[in-house]
């Protein structure tokens, strides 16, 4: 569990969305080992030792109050990890707050990312009162860009980080219009 704040459950009628803990470590590592899952995301996926350290750090590091990672499970199979969503300071320091999602491949195309991300946006604006959230999505990641639009985000600009191109999406609290 993060050494920062305790995060509230953000369950939906179909999903259990709970704070990610070290009990989720092996599931997170297994998900990341699928090259299709991490195709658009830079990380230490091919080095088992560095990969484990990376995920452990992301689980245990302190985040500002109300921010962090949540694991996703379906109510119909609560023992099965299907992915995570995050609300963390952009690049670890902010000032912007980033929303993100990652799912096991078997969960793709079923609306799970959109449903979990909608719950996170509602929490970001309704509970912790953030003024806006952003998502930097790899230019080729059409599915994640579709999720961003479904949760009310709009394209802002193209950014380059470490030689890779990303599309920045943003949603502001007063401008939230969620698309089904």
Protein backbone atom coordinates (compact mmCIF):
# COMPACT_ATOMS: atom_id res chain seq x y z
CA UNK A 1 0.00 0.00 0.00
CA UNK A 2 1.14 3.54 -0.65
CA UNK A 3 2.79 5.12 2.35
CA UNK A 4 0.68 8.20 1.56
CA UNK A 5 -3.05 8.51 1.98
CA UNK A 6 -5.57 5.71 2.03
CA UNK A 7 -7.60 5.85 -1.16
CA UNK A 8 -11.35 5.27 -1.12
CA UNK A 9 -13.00 2.49 -3.13
CA UNK A 10 -14.44 3.84 -6.39
CA UNK A 11 -16.67 0.88 -7.20
CA UNK A 12 -19.20 0.97 -10.01
CA UNK A 13 -22.13 -1.40 -10.58
CA UNK A 14 -19.85 -3.68 -12.60
CA UNK A 15 -16.36 -3.01 -11.19
CA UNK A 16 -14.48 -3.13 -7.91
CA UNK A 17 -11.94 -0.29 -7.97
CA UNK A 18 -9.74 -0.42 -4.88
CA UNK A 19 -6.41 1.03 -3.80
CA UNK A 20 -3.55 -0.92 -5.37
CA UNK A 21 -1.40 -2.74 -2.83
CA UNK A 22 1.61 -5.06 -2.81
CA UNK A 23 -0.89 -7.95 -2.99
CA UNK A 24 -1.43 -6.80 -6.61
CA UNK A 25 2.28 -6.86 -7.48
CA UNK A 26 2.42 -10.22 -9.28
CA UNK A 27 -0.74 -9.45 -11.27
CA UNK A 28 0.69 -6.07 -12.34
CA UNK A 29 3.96 -7.66 -13.42
CA UNK A 30 2.15 -10.41 -15.34
CA UNK A 31 0.02 -7.80 -17.14
CA UNK A 32 3.09 -5.77 -18.10
CA UNK A 33 4.83 -8.86 -19.52
CA UNK A 34 2.32 -8.91 -22.37
CA UNK A 35 4.09 -6.88 -25.08
CA UNK A 36 0.74 -5.76 -26.52
CA UNK A 37 -0.27 -4.27 -23.17
CA UNK A 38 2.92 -2.20 -22.87
CA UNK A 39 3.44 -1.54 -26.58
CA UNK A 40 2.99 2.24 -26.21
CA UNK A 41 4.54 2.63 -22.76
CA UNK A 42 8.23 2.99 -21.98
CA UNK A 43 9.37 0.96 -19.02
CA UNK A 44 11.73 -1.76 -17.80
CA UNK A 45 9.40 -4.53 -19.03
CA UNK A 46 12.14 -6.85 -20.37
CA UNK A 47 14.33 -6.74 -17.24
CA UNK A 48 12.64 -8.82 -14.50
CA UNK A 49 14.59 -7.27 -11.61
CA UNK A 50 14.14 -3.65 -12.73
CA UNK A 51 10.51 -4.29 -13.67
CA UNK A 52 9.73 -5.58 -10.17
CA UNK A 53 11.53 -2.62 -8.55
CA UNK A 54 9.64 -0.20 -10.80
CA UNK A 55 6.20 -1.62 -9.94
CA UNK A 56 7.01 -1.97 -6.22
CA UNK A 57 8.10 1.67 -6.12
CA UNK A 58 4.92 2.80 -7.87
CA UNK A 59 2.84 0.87 -5.32
CA UNK A 60 4.72 1.94 -2.18
CA UNK A 61 5.84 5.51 -2.93
CA UNK A 62 3.97 8.32 -1.23
CA UNK A 63 1.57 10.31 -3.39
CA UNK A 64 -0.13 13.55 -2.42
CA UNK A 65 -3.37 13.05 -0.48
CA UNK A 66 -6.11 11.54 -2.61
CA UNK A 67 -3.79 10.48 -5.43
CA UNK A 68 -2.38 7.09 -6.37
CA UNK A 69 -3.30 3.85 -8.13
CA UNK A 70 -6.43 1.71 -7.92
CA UNK A 71 -6.67 -1.93 -9.02
CA UNK A 72 -9.68 -3.03 -11.05
CA UNK A 73 -11.61 -6.26 -10.68
CA UNK A 74 -15.00 -7.24 -12.01
CA UNK A 75 -17.76 -7.87 -9.45
CA UNK A 76 -18.62 -11.11 -11.25
CA UNK A 77 -15.03 -12.40 -10.68
CA UNK A 78 -13.55 -10.39 -7.78
CA UNK A 79 -10.53 -12.68 -7.49
CA UNK A 80 -9.35 -11.78 -11.02
CA UNK A 81 -7.23 -8.66 -11.52
CA UNK A 82 -8.11 -6.93 -14.79
CA UNK A 83 -5.96 -3.80 -14.57
CA UNK A 84 -5.49 -0.48 -12.85
CA UNK A 85 -6.27 3.22 -13.09
CA UNK A 86 -4.17 6.05 -11.74
CA UNK A 87 -4.44 9.64 -10.69
CA UNK A 88 -0.90 10.90 -9.97
CA UNK A 89 1.20 14.04 -10.34
CA UNK A 90 2.34 14.37 -13.95
CA UNK A 91 5.91 13.05 -14.26
CA UNK A 92 5.81 12.36 -10.52
CA UNK A 93 5.98 16.03 -9.56
CA UNK A 94 3.04 17.90 -11.11
CA UNK A 95 1.70 20.52 -11.02
CA UNK A 96 -0.71 18.82 -13.45
CA UNK A 97 -2.41 15.60 -12.36
CA UNK A 98 -2.42 12.72 -14.82
CA UNK A 99 -5.11 10.10 -15.26
CA UNK A 100 -4.16 6.76 -16.78
CA UNK A 101 -5.33 3.19 -17.23
CA UNK A 102 -3.91 -0.19 -18.12
CA UNK A 103 -5.81 -3.45 -18.58
CA UNK A 104 -4.96 -7.07 -19.22
CA UNK A 105 -5.61 -7.86 -22.87
CA UNK A 106 -8.57 -10.14 -22.04
CA UNK A 107 -10.38 -7.08 -20.64
CA UNK A 108 -9.94 -4.90 -23.74
CA UNK A 109 -12.94 -3.78 -25.76
CA UNK A 110 -15.50 -4.26 -22.99
CA UNK A 111 -15.77 -0.70 -21.69
CA UNK A 112 -13.86 -1.45 -18.50
CA UNK A 113 -11.21 1.27 -18.99
CA UNK A 114 -13.88 3.89 -19.73
CA UNK A 115 -16.01 2.85 -16.77
CA UNK A 116 -13.10 2.86 -14.32
CA UNK A 117 -11.72 6.14 -15.69
CA UNK A 118 -15.16 7.80 -15.42
CA UNK A 119 -15.26 6.82 -11.74
CA UNK A 120 -11.81 8.33 -11.30
CA UNK A 121 -12.78 11.60 -13.02
CA UNK A 122 -15.89 11.87 -10.82
CA UNK A 123 -13.67 11.37 -7.77
CA UNK A 124 -11.06 13.86 -9.03
CA UNK A 125 -13.62 16.62 -9.50
CA UNK A 126 -16.25 15.77 -6.89
CA UNK A 127 -14.16 14.59 -3.95
CA UNK A 128 -10.65 16.01 -4.18
CA UNK A 129 -11.81 19.01 -6.23
CA UNK A 130 -9.05 19.05 -8.84
CA UNK A 131 -9.51 21.81 -11.42
CA UNK A 132 -8.46 19.53 -14.32
CA UNK A 133 -6.76 16.25 -15.21
CA UNK A 134 -4.57 15.41 -18.19
CA UNK A 135 -3.54 12.29 -20.08
CA UNK A 136 -0.50 12.02 -22.33
CA UNK A 137 -1.28 9.20 -24.76
CA UNK A 138 1.11 7.73 -27.34
CA UNK A 139 0.12 9.01 -30.77
CA UNK A 140 -0.47 5.48 -32.09
CA UNK A 141 -2.63 4.34 -29.16
CA UNK A 142 -6.04 4.76 -30.76
CA UNK A 143 -7.89 2.75 -28.08
CA UNK A 144 -6.62 4.95 -25.22
CA UNK A 145 -7.42 8.11 -27.15
CA UNK A 146 -10.96 6.76 -27.59
CA UNK A 147 -11.22 6.20 -23.81
CA UNK A 148 -10.03 9.77 -23.19
CA UNK A 149 -12.78 11.18 -25.41
CA UNK A 150 -15.42 8.92 -23.81
CA UNK A 151 -14.58 10.29 -20.36
CA UNK A 152 -14.95 13.88 -21.54
CA UNK A 153 -11.36 14.75 -22.37
CA UNK A 154 -10.40 16.93 -25.32
CA UNK A 155 -7.21 16.96 -27.35
CA UNK A 156 -4.97 19.88 -26.34
CA UNK A 157 -1.61 19.48 -28.06
CA UNK A 158 1.09 17.15 -29.22
CA UNK A 159 4.05 16.81 -26.85
CA UNK A 160 7.39 15.09 -27.20
CA UNK A 161 9.02 13.28 -24.30
CA UNK A 162 12.26 11.33 -24.52
CA UNK A 163 11.98 11.12 -28.31
CA UNK A 164 8.40 9.81 -28.32
CA UNK A 165 5.28 11.67 -29.48
CA UNK A 166 2.28 11.91 -27.24
CA UNK A 167 -1.13 13.49 -27.58
CA UNK A 168 -2.13 15.53 -24.54
CA UNK A 169 -5.80 15.33 -23.56
CA UNK A 170 -7.40 17.37 -20.80
CA UNK A 171 -10.72 17.66 -19.04
CA UNK A 172 -11.59 20.53 -16.74
CA UNK A 173 -14.02 20.32 -13.87
CA UNK A 174 -16.40 22.95 -15.22
CA UNK A 175 -16.23 21.59 -18.77
CA UNK A 176 -16.98 17.93 -18.07
CA UNK A 177 -19.27 16.35 -20.63
CA UNK A 178 -18.99 12.58 -20.57
CA UNK A 179 -19.70 10.81 -23.86
CA UNK A 180 -21.13 7.25 -23.75
